[in-house]
């Protein structure tokens, strides 16, 4: 959507969205989808700027459901409205689902092998690295203007990652703290 008019961007078609999201869905593994979408949507195509993408990713993480599906809904909507959202989600999910069903039905005995598990562990490690890169980029942008978000990032990491506290109460507490700190440190209007 155009930020001034609230209407979908006219130069991106639903076919463009379908092609991108189908390719991302078919060529990505695990948690690296957000990083891949960042590269495609921000860096290569310029559909969204970095700040808007990271805000959409944050929104996708706090809403129920899969982060990347929520992000796909947002990107599709920004480009082509409701039809763009539907196309983005369907193109992201259906082609890989078909491939997985076909592959598992053909290679069901072979998939139990140790080489396949080792390969998938390597892919999982790569996905973690890609996700971490988006997290570092988000942290850099969040801490550019102010330093207090870094304290919240560290606190959430310690609470959830090390102490294993439940994510929802930690996210609510961090969100509340963010609002209060933002109001406290905001310049007087």
N, C-alpha and C. Protein backbone atom coordinates (compact mmCIF):
# COMPACT_ATOMS: atom_id res chain seq x y z
N UNK A 1 0.83 -1.19 0.00
CA UNK A 1 0.00 0.00 0.00
C UNK A 1 0.86 1.24 0.00
N UNK A 2 0.38 2.21 -0.68
CA UNK A 2 1.04 3.50 -0.67
C UNK A 2 0.81 4.11 0.71
N UNK A 3 1.88 4.57 1.36
CA UNK A 3 1.73 5.09 2.72
C UNK A 3 0.93 6.39 2.76
N UNK A 4 0.89 7.14 1.66
CA UNK A 4 0.11 8.37 1.67
C UNK A 4 -1.37 8.12 1.38
N UNK A 5 -1.67 7.21 0.44
CA UNK A 5 -3.06 7.01 0.03
C UNK A 5 -3.72 5.83 0.72
N UNK A 6 -2.94 4.90 1.28
CA UNK A 6 -3.53 3.71 1.90
C UNK A 6 -3.95 2.68 0.88
N UNK A 7 -3.62 2.87 -0.40
CA UNK A 7 -3.99 1.92 -1.46
C UNK A 7 -2.81 1.02 -1.79
N UNK A 8 -3.09 -0.17 -2.32
CA UNK A 8 -2.00 -1.07 -2.70
C UNK A 8 -1.08 -0.43 -3.73
N UNK A 9 0.20 -0.83 -3.68
CA UNK A 9 1.19 -0.35 -4.65
C UNK A 9 0.82 -0.92 -6.02
N UNK A 10 0.71 -0.06 -7.04
CA UNK A 10 0.22 -0.48 -8.35
C UNK A 10 1.24 -1.22 -9.19
N UNK A 11 2.52 -1.02 -8.98
CA UNK A 11 3.51 -1.63 -9.85
C UNK A 11 3.90 -3.05 -9.45
N UNK A 12 3.31 -3.60 -8.41
CA UNK A 12 3.55 -4.98 -8.00
C UNK A 12 2.25 -5.75 -8.20
N UNK A 13 2.31 -6.77 -9.03
CA UNK A 13 1.10 -7.55 -9.32
C UNK A 13 1.02 -8.79 -8.43
N UNK A 14 -0.15 -9.39 -8.39
CA UNK A 14 -0.33 -10.64 -7.66
C UNK A 14 0.53 -11.76 -8.27
N UNK A 15 0.80 -11.68 -9.56
CA UNK A 15 1.68 -12.66 -10.21
C UNK A 15 3.10 -12.50 -9.68
N UNK A 16 3.55 -11.25 -9.51
CA UNK A 16 4.87 -11.01 -8.92
C UNK A 16 4.95 -11.59 -7.51
N UNK A 17 3.91 -11.35 -6.74
CA UNK A 17 3.86 -11.85 -5.36
C UNK A 17 3.87 -13.37 -5.36
N UNK A 18 3.06 -13.99 -6.22
CA UNK A 18 3.00 -15.45 -6.29
C UNK A 18 4.36 -16.03 -6.66
N UNK A 19 5.01 -15.44 -7.64
CA UNK A 19 6.32 -15.94 -8.05
C UNK A 19 7.35 -15.86 -6.94
N UNK A 20 7.39 -14.73 -6.26
CA UNK A 20 8.36 -14.57 -5.17
C UNK A 20 8.10 -15.55 -4.04
N UNK A 21 6.86 -15.58 -3.56
CA UNK A 21 6.57 -16.40 -2.39
C UNK A 21 6.63 -17.89 -2.70
N UNK A 22 6.28 -18.29 -3.90
CA UNK A 22 6.43 -19.71 -4.28
C UNK A 22 7.91 -20.08 -4.32
N UNK A 23 8.73 -19.21 -4.88
CA UNK A 23 10.17 -19.49 -4.94
C UNK A 23 10.77 -19.54 -3.54
N UNK A 24 10.38 -18.61 -2.68
CA UNK A 24 10.90 -18.62 -1.31
C UNK A 24 10.44 -19.88 -0.59
N UNK A 25 9.18 -20.24 -0.74
CA UNK A 25 8.67 -21.44 -0.08
C UNK A 25 9.33 -22.71 -0.56
N UNK A 26 9.64 -22.77 -1.85
CA UNK A 26 10.24 -23.98 -2.43
C UNK A 26 11.75 -24.08 -2.22
N UNK A 27 12.40 -22.97 -1.94
CA UNK A 27 13.86 -23.01 -1.84
C UNK A 27 14.39 -22.70 -0.45
N UNK A 28 13.53 -22.60 0.54
CA UNK A 28 13.97 -22.25 1.89
C UNK A 28 13.73 -23.40 2.85
N UNK A 29 14.53 -23.41 3.88
CA UNK A 29 14.40 -24.43 4.92
C UNK A 29 14.31 -23.76 6.27
N UNK A 30 13.41 -24.26 7.12
CA UNK A 30 13.38 -23.88 8.52
C UNK A 30 13.17 -22.41 8.78
N UNK A 31 13.83 -21.94 9.83
CA UNK A 31 13.62 -20.59 10.32
C UNK A 31 14.26 -19.49 9.51
N UNK A 32 14.92 -19.81 8.42
CA UNK A 32 15.58 -18.79 7.64
C UNK A 32 14.68 -18.03 6.70
N UNK A 33 13.40 -18.31 6.72
CA UNK A 33 12.48 -17.66 5.78
C UNK A 33 12.42 -16.15 5.96
N UNK A 34 12.46 -15.69 7.20
CA UNK A 34 12.39 -14.24 7.42
C UNK A 34 13.60 -13.54 6.81
N UNK A 35 14.76 -14.14 6.97
CA UNK A 35 15.97 -13.54 6.38
C UNK A 35 15.89 -13.55 4.86
N UNK A 36 15.39 -14.64 4.30
CA UNK A 36 15.25 -14.74 2.85
C UNK A 36 14.26 -13.69 2.35
N UNK A 37 13.12 -13.57 3.03
CA UNK A 37 12.13 -12.57 2.63
C UNK A 37 12.70 -11.17 2.75
N UNK A 38 13.48 -10.92 3.78
CA UNK A 38 14.12 -9.61 3.92
C UNK A 38 14.95 -9.30 2.68
N UNK A 39 15.78 -10.25 2.31
CA UNK A 39 16.65 -10.04 1.15
C UNK A 39 15.84 -9.76 -0.11
N UNK A 40 14.79 -10.52 -0.31
CA UNK A 40 13.99 -10.38 -1.53
C UNK A 40 13.14 -9.11 -1.52
N UNK A 41 12.45 -8.85 -0.42
CA UNK A 41 11.47 -7.76 -0.35
C UNK A 41 12.12 -6.40 -0.14
N UNK A 42 13.19 -6.35 0.65
CA UNK A 42 13.82 -5.06 0.97
C UNK A 42 15.01 -4.80 0.05
N UNK A 43 15.96 -5.73 0.04
CA UNK A 43 17.22 -5.48 -0.64
C UNK A 43 17.09 -5.56 -2.16
N UNK A 44 16.47 -6.62 -2.66
CA UNK A 44 16.44 -6.82 -4.10
C UNK A 44 15.29 -6.11 -4.80
N UNK A 45 14.11 -6.14 -4.24
CA UNK A 45 12.95 -5.58 -4.93
C UNK A 45 12.56 -4.18 -4.46
N UNK A 46 12.92 -3.82 -3.24
CA UNK A 46 12.58 -2.51 -2.71
C UNK A 46 11.09 -2.32 -2.47
N UNK A 47 10.37 -3.40 -2.25
CA UNK A 47 8.94 -3.29 -1.99
C UNK A 47 8.67 -2.61 -0.65
N UNK A 48 9.50 -2.88 0.35
CA UNK A 48 9.39 -2.25 1.66
C UNK A 48 10.76 -1.72 2.04
N UNK A 49 10.80 -0.70 2.89
CA UNK A 49 12.09 -0.29 3.41
C UNK A 49 12.43 -1.14 4.64
N UNK A 50 13.67 -1.04 5.10
CA UNK A 50 14.14 -1.90 6.18
C UNK A 50 13.32 -1.72 7.46
N UNK A 51 13.03 -0.49 7.82
CA UNK A 51 12.27 -0.23 9.03
C UNK A 51 10.87 -0.81 8.97
N UNK A 52 10.20 -0.66 7.83
CA UNK A 52 8.85 -1.19 7.70
C UNK A 52 8.86 -2.72 7.74
N UNK A 53 9.85 -3.33 7.07
CA UNK A 53 9.94 -4.78 7.09
C UNK A 53 10.15 -5.29 8.52
N UNK A 54 11.08 -4.67 9.25
CA UNK A 54 11.35 -5.13 10.61
C UNK A 54 10.16 -4.88 11.53
N UNK A 55 9.42 -3.81 11.31
CA UNK A 55 8.19 -3.58 12.08
C UNK A 55 7.16 -4.64 11.76
N UNK A 56 7.03 -5.00 10.46
CA UNK A 56 6.09 -6.04 10.06
C UNK A 56 6.51 -7.39 10.65
N UNK A 57 7.80 -7.65 10.69
CA UNK A 57 8.28 -8.90 11.27
C UNK A 57 7.98 -8.95 12.76
N UNK A 58 8.16 -7.83 13.44
CA UNK A 58 7.82 -7.77 14.86
C UNK A 58 6.34 -8.01 15.08
N UNK A 59 5.52 -7.38 14.26
CA UNK A 59 4.08 -7.58 14.35
C UNK A 59 3.74 -9.05 14.11
N UNK A 60 4.38 -9.66 13.11
CA UNK A 60 4.14 -11.08 12.81
C UNK A 60 4.53 -11.99 13.95
N UNK A 61 5.52 -11.58 14.74
CA UNK A 61 5.96 -12.41 15.86
C UNK A 61 5.03 -12.32 17.05
N UNK A 62 4.36 -11.19 17.22
CA UNK A 62 3.48 -11.07 18.38
C UNK A 62 2.06 -11.54 18.09
N UNK A 63 1.71 -11.68 16.82
CA UNK A 63 0.38 -12.19 16.48
C UNK A 63 0.38 -13.72 16.52
N UNK A 64 -0.78 -14.32 16.74
CA UNK A 64 -0.84 -15.78 16.74
C UNK A 64 -0.53 -16.33 15.34
N UNK A 65 0.03 -17.51 15.30
CA UNK A 65 0.34 -18.16 14.03
C UNK A 65 1.81 -18.10 13.69
N UNK A 66 2.15 -18.63 12.55
CA UNK A 66 3.53 -18.67 12.08
C UNK A 66 4.02 -17.27 11.74
N UNK A 67 5.22 -16.93 12.20
CA UNK A 67 5.78 -15.60 11.94
C UNK A 67 5.86 -15.30 10.45
N UNK A 68 6.37 -16.26 9.68
CA UNK A 68 6.58 -16.01 8.25
C UNK A 68 5.24 -15.93 7.51
N UNK A 69 4.24 -16.65 7.96
CA UNK A 69 2.92 -16.53 7.33
C UNK A 69 2.34 -15.16 7.63
N UNK A 70 2.46 -14.71 8.86
CA UNK A 70 1.99 -13.37 9.22
C UNK A 70 2.72 -12.31 8.41
N UNK A 71 4.03 -12.48 8.25
CA UNK A 71 4.83 -11.55 7.46
C UNK A 71 4.39 -11.57 5.99
N UNK A 72 4.07 -12.74 5.49
CA UNK A 72 3.60 -12.88 4.10
C UNK A 72 2.26 -12.17 3.91
N UNK A 73 1.38 -12.31 4.89
CA UNK A 73 0.10 -11.61 4.83
C UNK A 73 0.34 -10.11 4.74
N UNK A 74 1.24 -9.60 5.56
CA UNK A 74 1.53 -8.16 5.57
C UNK A 74 2.09 -7.69 4.23
N UNK A 75 3.13 -8.39 3.76
CA UNK A 75 3.77 -7.97 2.51
C UNK A 75 2.77 -8.04 1.36
N UNK A 76 2.02 -9.14 1.27
CA UNK A 76 1.02 -9.27 0.21
C UNK A 76 -0.02 -8.17 0.27
N UNK A 77 -0.46 -7.83 1.48
CA UNK A 77 -1.46 -6.78 1.65
C UNK A 77 -0.90 -5.42 1.25
N UNK A 78 0.34 -5.15 1.65
CA UNK A 78 0.95 -3.86 1.29
C UNK A 78 1.10 -3.70 -0.21
N UNK A 79 1.32 -4.81 -0.91
CA UNK A 79 1.55 -4.72 -2.35
C UNK A 79 0.25 -4.75 -3.15
N UNK A 80 -0.70 -5.60 -2.78
CA UNK A 80 -1.92 -5.77 -3.59
C UNK A 80 -3.20 -5.92 -2.77
N UNK A 81 -3.21 -5.48 -1.54
CA UNK A 81 -4.42 -5.57 -0.74
C UNK A 81 -4.73 -7.01 -0.33
N UNK A 82 -6.00 -7.29 -0.05
CA UNK A 82 -6.41 -8.62 0.40
C UNK A 82 -6.05 -9.72 -0.60
N UNK A 83 -6.27 -9.52 -1.90
CA UNK A 83 -5.84 -10.57 -2.84
C UNK A 83 -4.34 -10.86 -2.75
N UNK A 84 -3.54 -9.85 -2.53
CA UNK A 84 -2.10 -10.04 -2.39
C UNK A 84 -1.75 -10.87 -1.17
N UNK A 85 -2.48 -10.66 -0.07
CA UNK A 85 -2.26 -11.46 1.13
C UNK A 85 -2.57 -12.93 0.88
N UNK A 86 -3.70 -13.18 0.26
CA UNK A 86 -4.10 -14.56 -0.03
C UNK A 86 -3.09 -15.22 -0.96
N UNK A 87 -2.71 -14.53 -2.01
CA UNK A 87 -1.74 -15.08 -2.97
C UNK A 87 -0.41 -15.36 -2.28
N UNK A 88 0.07 -14.45 -1.46
CA UNK A 88 1.36 -14.64 -0.78
C UNK A 88 1.35 -15.87 0.10
N UNK A 89 0.30 -16.04 0.89
CA UNK A 89 0.24 -17.18 1.81
C UNK A 89 0.08 -18.50 1.05
N UNK A 90 -0.80 -18.53 0.07
CA UNK A 90 -1.00 -19.75 -0.71
C UNK A 90 0.27 -20.12 -1.46
N UNK A 91 0.92 -19.14 -2.07
CA UNK A 91 2.14 -19.42 -2.83
C UNK A 91 3.29 -19.84 -1.91
N UNK A 92 3.33 -19.34 -0.70
CA UNK A 92 4.36 -19.72 0.24
C UNK A 92 4.17 -21.14 0.76
N UNK A 93 2.93 -21.54 0.99
CA UNK A 93 2.67 -22.81 1.67
C UNK A 93 2.33 -23.99 0.76
N UNK A 94 1.55 -23.78 -0.27
CA UNK A 94 1.05 -24.92 -1.05
C UNK A 94 2.12 -25.61 -1.89
N UNK A 95 2.93 -24.90 -2.67
CA UNK A 95 3.95 -25.63 -3.46
C UNK A 95 4.89 -26.48 -2.62
N UNK A 96 5.46 -25.96 -1.50
CA UNK A 96 6.33 -26.83 -0.70
C UNK A 96 5.58 -28.00 -0.08
N UNK A 97 4.32 -27.78 0.29
CA UNK A 97 3.53 -28.87 0.86
C UNK A 97 3.38 -30.00 -0.14
N UNK A 98 3.12 -29.65 -1.38
CA UNK A 98 2.99 -30.67 -2.43
C UNK A 98 4.31 -31.41 -2.61
N UNK A 99 5.41 -30.68 -2.64
CA UNK A 99 6.73 -31.31 -2.80
C UNK A 99 7.02 -32.26 -1.64
N UNK A 100 6.74 -31.84 -0.43
CA UNK A 100 7.00 -32.68 0.75
C UNK A 100 6.17 -33.96 0.70
N UNK A 101 4.91 -33.85 0.35
CA UNK A 101 4.07 -35.04 0.26
C UNK A 101 4.61 -35.99 -0.81
N UNK A 102 5.00 -35.47 -1.96
CA UNK A 102 5.55 -36.31 -3.02
C UNK A 102 6.87 -36.95 -2.61
N UNK A 103 7.76 -36.17 -2.03
CA UNK A 103 9.07 -36.70 -1.64
C UNK A 103 8.92 -37.77 -0.56
N UNK A 104 8.11 -37.52 0.44
CA UNK A 104 7.96 -38.51 1.50
C UNK A 104 7.28 -39.78 1.02
N UNK A 105 6.38 -39.64 0.09
CA UNK A 105 5.74 -40.87 -0.41
C UNK A 105 6.69 -41.69 -1.27
N UNK A 106 7.60 -41.05 -1.98
CA UNK A 106 8.55 -41.77 -2.83
C UNK A 106 9.73 -42.31 -2.02
N UNK A 107 10.23 -41.54 -1.10
CA UNK A 107 11.45 -41.90 -0.39
C UNK A 107 11.23 -42.23 1.09
N UNK A 108 10.09 -42.74 1.46
CA UNK A 108 9.78 -42.96 2.88
C UNK A 108 10.78 -43.87 3.57
N UNK A 109 11.28 -44.91 2.94
CA UNK A 109 12.25 -45.82 3.57
C UNK A 109 13.62 -45.13 3.69
N UNK A 110 14.03 -44.41 2.67
CA UNK A 110 15.34 -43.78 2.64
C UNK A 110 15.46 -42.65 3.65
N UNK A 111 14.37 -41.97 3.94
CA UNK A 111 14.37 -40.80 4.81
C UNK A 111 14.80 -41.15 6.24
N UNK A 112 14.68 -42.40 6.64
CA UNK A 112 15.05 -42.80 8.00
C UNK A 112 16.56 -42.92 8.19
N UNK A 113 17.36 -42.79 7.15
CA UNK A 113 18.81 -42.97 7.23
C UNK A 113 19.52 -41.88 8.01
N UNK A 114 20.70 -42.23 8.55
CA UNK A 114 21.46 -41.29 9.37
C UNK A 114 22.05 -40.15 8.53
N UNK A 115 22.37 -40.40 7.25
CA UNK A 115 22.90 -39.33 6.40
C UNK A 115 21.87 -38.22 6.21
N UNK A 116 20.61 -38.60 6.07
CA UNK A 116 19.54 -37.61 5.91
C UNK A 116 19.42 -36.77 7.18
N UNK A 117 19.49 -37.43 8.35
CA UNK A 117 19.39 -36.69 9.61
C UNK A 117 20.57 -35.73 9.77
N UNK A 118 21.77 -36.16 9.41
CA UNK A 118 22.94 -35.28 9.49
C UNK A 118 22.78 -34.08 8.55
N UNK A 119 22.27 -34.33 7.34
CA UNK A 119 22.03 -33.26 6.39
C UNK A 119 21.03 -32.25 6.96
N UNK A 120 19.94 -32.74 7.53
CA UNK A 120 18.92 -31.86 8.09
C UNK A 120 19.44 -31.08 9.30
N UNK A 121 20.34 -31.67 10.08
CA UNK A 121 20.94 -30.92 11.18
C UNK A 121 21.77 -29.75 10.65
N UNK A 122 22.48 -29.98 9.55
CA UNK A 122 23.24 -28.90 8.92
C UNK A 122 22.33 -27.79 8.40
N UNK A 123 21.24 -28.18 7.79
CA UNK A 123 20.27 -27.20 7.29
C UNK A 123 19.67 -26.42 8.46
N UNK A 124 19.38 -27.11 9.56
CA UNK A 124 18.82 -26.43 10.74
C UNK A 124 19.82 -25.41 11.29
N UNK A 125 21.10 -25.76 11.31
CA UNK A 125 22.12 -24.82 11.78
C UNK A 125 22.17 -23.58 10.89
N UNK A 126 22.07 -23.79 9.59
CA UNK A 126 22.07 -22.65 8.66
C UNK A 126 20.85 -21.77 8.90
N UNK A 127 19.70 -22.38 9.14
CA UNK A 127 18.47 -21.62 9.40
C UNK A 127 18.61 -20.79 10.67
N UNK A 128 19.23 -21.36 11.70
CA UNK A 128 19.44 -20.62 12.94
C UNK A 128 20.35 -19.41 12.68
N UNK A 129 21.39 -19.61 11.89
CA UNK A 129 22.29 -18.50 11.55
C UNK A 129 21.58 -17.40 10.80
N UNK A 130 20.73 -17.77 9.84
CA UNK A 130 19.99 -16.76 9.08
C UNK A 130 19.03 -15.99 9.98
N UNK A 131 18.35 -16.72 10.87
CA UNK A 131 17.43 -16.07 11.80
C UNK A 131 18.19 -15.14 12.74
N UNK A 132 19.35 -15.58 13.21
CA UNK A 132 20.17 -14.74 14.10
C UNK A 132 20.59 -13.46 13.38
N UNK A 133 20.89 -13.55 12.07
CA UNK A 133 21.30 -12.36 11.34
C UNK A 133 20.18 -11.32 11.29
N UNK A 134 18.95 -11.78 11.12
CA UNK A 134 17.81 -10.85 11.14
C UNK A 134 17.63 -10.27 12.54
N UNK A 135 17.85 -11.10 13.57
CA UNK A 135 17.75 -10.61 14.94
C UNK A 135 18.79 -9.54 15.25
N UNK A 136 20.02 -9.76 14.78
CA UNK A 136 21.07 -8.76 14.99
C UNK A 136 20.74 -7.47 14.25
N UNK A 137 20.24 -7.60 13.02
CA UNK A 137 19.86 -6.41 12.24
C UNK A 137 18.74 -5.65 12.95
N UNK A 138 17.76 -6.38 13.47
CA UNK A 138 16.65 -5.74 14.20
C UNK A 138 17.17 -5.03 15.44
N UNK A 139 18.08 -5.68 16.16
CA UNK A 139 18.64 -5.07 17.38
C UNK A 139 19.41 -3.80 17.03
N UNK A 140 20.15 -3.83 15.93
CA UNK A 140 20.93 -2.65 15.52
C UNK A 140 20.01 -1.47 15.24
N UNK A 141 18.91 -1.75 14.53
CA UNK A 141 17.98 -0.66 14.20
C UNK A 141 17.25 -0.18 15.46
N UNK A 142 16.87 -1.11 16.33
CA UNK A 142 16.15 -0.74 17.55
C UNK A 142 17.00 0.11 18.47
N UNK A 143 18.32 -0.10 18.45
CA UNK A 143 19.19 0.62 19.37
C UNK A 143 19.87 1.83 18.74
N UNK A 144 19.58 2.13 17.47
CA UNK A 144 20.20 3.29 16.81
C UNK A 144 19.83 4.60 17.50
N UNK A 145 18.55 4.81 17.73
CA UNK A 145 18.10 6.09 18.28
C UNK A 145 18.24 6.14 19.80
N UNK A 146 18.02 5.03 20.46
CA UNK A 146 18.04 4.99 21.93
C UNK A 146 18.80 3.75 22.37
N UNK A 147 19.29 3.77 23.59
CA UNK A 147 20.06 2.63 24.10
C UNK A 147 19.22 1.70 24.99
N UNK A 148 18.08 2.15 25.52
CA UNK A 148 17.31 1.28 26.40
C UNK A 148 16.78 0.02 25.73
N UNK A 149 16.49 0.00 24.41
CA UNK A 149 16.04 -1.26 23.82
C UNK A 149 17.07 -2.39 23.96
N UNK A 150 18.36 -2.05 24.00
CA UNK A 150 19.39 -3.08 24.18
C UNK A 150 19.22 -3.77 25.52
N UNK A 151 18.88 -3.03 26.55
CA UNK A 151 18.65 -3.63 27.87
C UNK A 151 17.46 -4.58 27.82
N UNK A 152 16.41 -4.20 27.09
CA UNK A 152 15.25 -5.10 26.95
C UNK A 152 15.61 -6.35 26.16
N UNK A 153 16.40 -6.19 25.11
CA UNK A 153 16.82 -7.34 24.30
C UNK A 153 17.58 -8.33 25.18
N UNK A 154 18.52 -7.84 25.95
CA UNK A 154 19.32 -8.70 26.83
C UNK A 154 18.43 -9.34 27.89
N UNK A 155 17.53 -8.57 28.47
CA UNK A 155 16.63 -9.11 29.51
C UNK A 155 15.75 -10.22 28.96
N UNK A 156 15.19 -10.02 27.77
CA UNK A 156 14.34 -11.07 27.17
C UNK A 156 15.18 -12.29 26.83
N UNK A 157 16.38 -12.10 26.31
CA UNK A 157 17.25 -13.24 26.01
C UNK A 157 17.55 -14.04 27.27
N UNK A 158 17.89 -13.35 28.35
CA UNK A 158 18.19 -14.05 29.61
C UNK A 158 16.95 -14.76 30.13
N UNK A 159 15.81 -14.06 30.14
CA UNK A 159 14.58 -14.64 30.69
C UNK A 159 14.12 -15.86 29.91
N UNK A 160 14.07 -15.75 28.59
CA UNK A 160 13.53 -16.84 27.77
C UNK A 160 14.61 -17.85 27.40
N UNK A 161 15.77 -17.35 26.97
CA UNK A 161 16.81 -18.26 26.49
C UNK A 161 17.56 -18.99 27.57
N UNK A 162 17.86 -18.32 28.68
CA UNK A 162 18.66 -18.94 29.73
C UNK A 162 17.82 -19.45 30.89
N UNK A 163 16.89 -18.63 31.35
CA UNK A 163 16.07 -19.03 32.50
C UNK A 163 14.85 -19.86 32.12
N UNK A 164 14.55 -19.90 30.81
CA UNK A 164 13.43 -20.70 30.28
C UNK A 164 12.07 -20.26 30.82
N UNK A 165 11.91 -18.96 31.03
CA UNK A 165 10.62 -18.44 31.44
C UNK A 165 9.69 -18.49 30.24
N UNK A 166 8.37 -18.57 30.47
CA UNK A 166 7.42 -18.63 29.35
C UNK A 166 7.44 -17.34 28.52
N UNK A 167 7.37 -17.50 27.21
CA UNK A 167 7.51 -16.38 26.28
C UNK A 167 6.42 -15.33 26.42
N UNK A 168 5.17 -15.74 26.55
CA UNK A 168 4.06 -14.76 26.55
C UNK A 168 4.17 -13.76 27.70
N UNK A 169 4.34 -14.22 28.96
CA UNK A 169 4.46 -13.21 30.03
C UNK A 169 5.70 -12.33 29.87
N UNK A 170 6.80 -12.91 29.39
CA UNK A 170 8.01 -12.11 29.17
C UNK A 170 7.76 -11.06 28.09
N UNK A 171 7.10 -11.45 27.00
CA UNK A 171 6.81 -10.51 25.91
C UNK A 171 5.88 -9.40 26.39
N UNK A 172 4.87 -9.75 27.18
CA UNK A 172 3.95 -8.73 27.72
C UNK A 172 4.72 -7.76 28.63
N UNK A 173 5.57 -8.30 29.50
CA UNK A 173 6.35 -7.44 30.40
C UNK A 173 7.31 -6.56 29.60
N UNK A 174 7.98 -7.13 28.60
CA UNK A 174 8.92 -6.34 27.79
C UNK A 174 8.18 -5.28 26.97
N UNK A 175 7.03 -5.63 26.45
CA UNK A 175 6.24 -4.66 25.69
C UNK A 175 5.78 -3.51 26.57
N UNK A 176 5.33 -3.84 27.77
CA UNK A 176 4.90 -2.80 28.71
C UNK A 176 6.08 -1.91 29.09
N UNK A 177 7.21 -2.54 29.39
CA UNK A 177 8.41 -1.76 29.73
C UNK A 177 8.82 -0.88 28.55
N UNK A 178 8.72 -1.40 27.34
CA UNK A 178 9.07 -0.62 26.15
C UNK A 178 8.20 0.61 26.00
N UNK A 179 6.90 0.45 26.21
CA UNK A 179 5.99 1.59 26.11
C UNK A 179 6.32 2.63 27.18
N UNK A 180 6.53 2.16 28.41
CA UNK A 180 6.83 3.10 29.50
C UNK A 180 8.16 3.81 29.28
N UNK A 181 9.18 3.07 28.87
CA UNK A 181 10.49 3.69 28.61
C UNK A 181 10.43 4.64 27.42
N UNK A 182 9.67 4.28 26.42
CA UNK A 182 9.54 5.13 25.24
C UNK A 182 8.88 6.45 25.61
N UNK A 183 7.83 6.38 26.41
CA UNK A 183 7.16 7.61 26.83
C UNK A 183 8.06 8.46 27.71
N UNK A 184 8.81 7.79 28.57
CA UNK A 184 9.68 8.51 29.50
C UNK A 184 10.83 9.21 28.79
N UNK A 185 11.36 8.58 27.75
CA UNK A 185 12.52 9.14 27.06
C UNK A 185 12.14 9.94 25.81
N UNK A 186 10.86 9.98 25.46
CA UNK A 186 10.43 10.72 24.26
C UNK A 186 10.59 12.23 24.50
N UNK A 187 10.99 12.94 23.45
CA UNK A 187 11.07 14.40 23.60
C UNK A 187 9.68 14.98 23.83
N UNK A 188 9.62 16.03 24.61
CA UNK A 188 8.32 16.66 24.88
C UNK A 188 7.72 17.20 23.60
N UNK A 189 6.42 16.88 23.40
CA UNK A 189 5.73 17.33 22.19
C UNK A 189 5.00 18.61 22.44
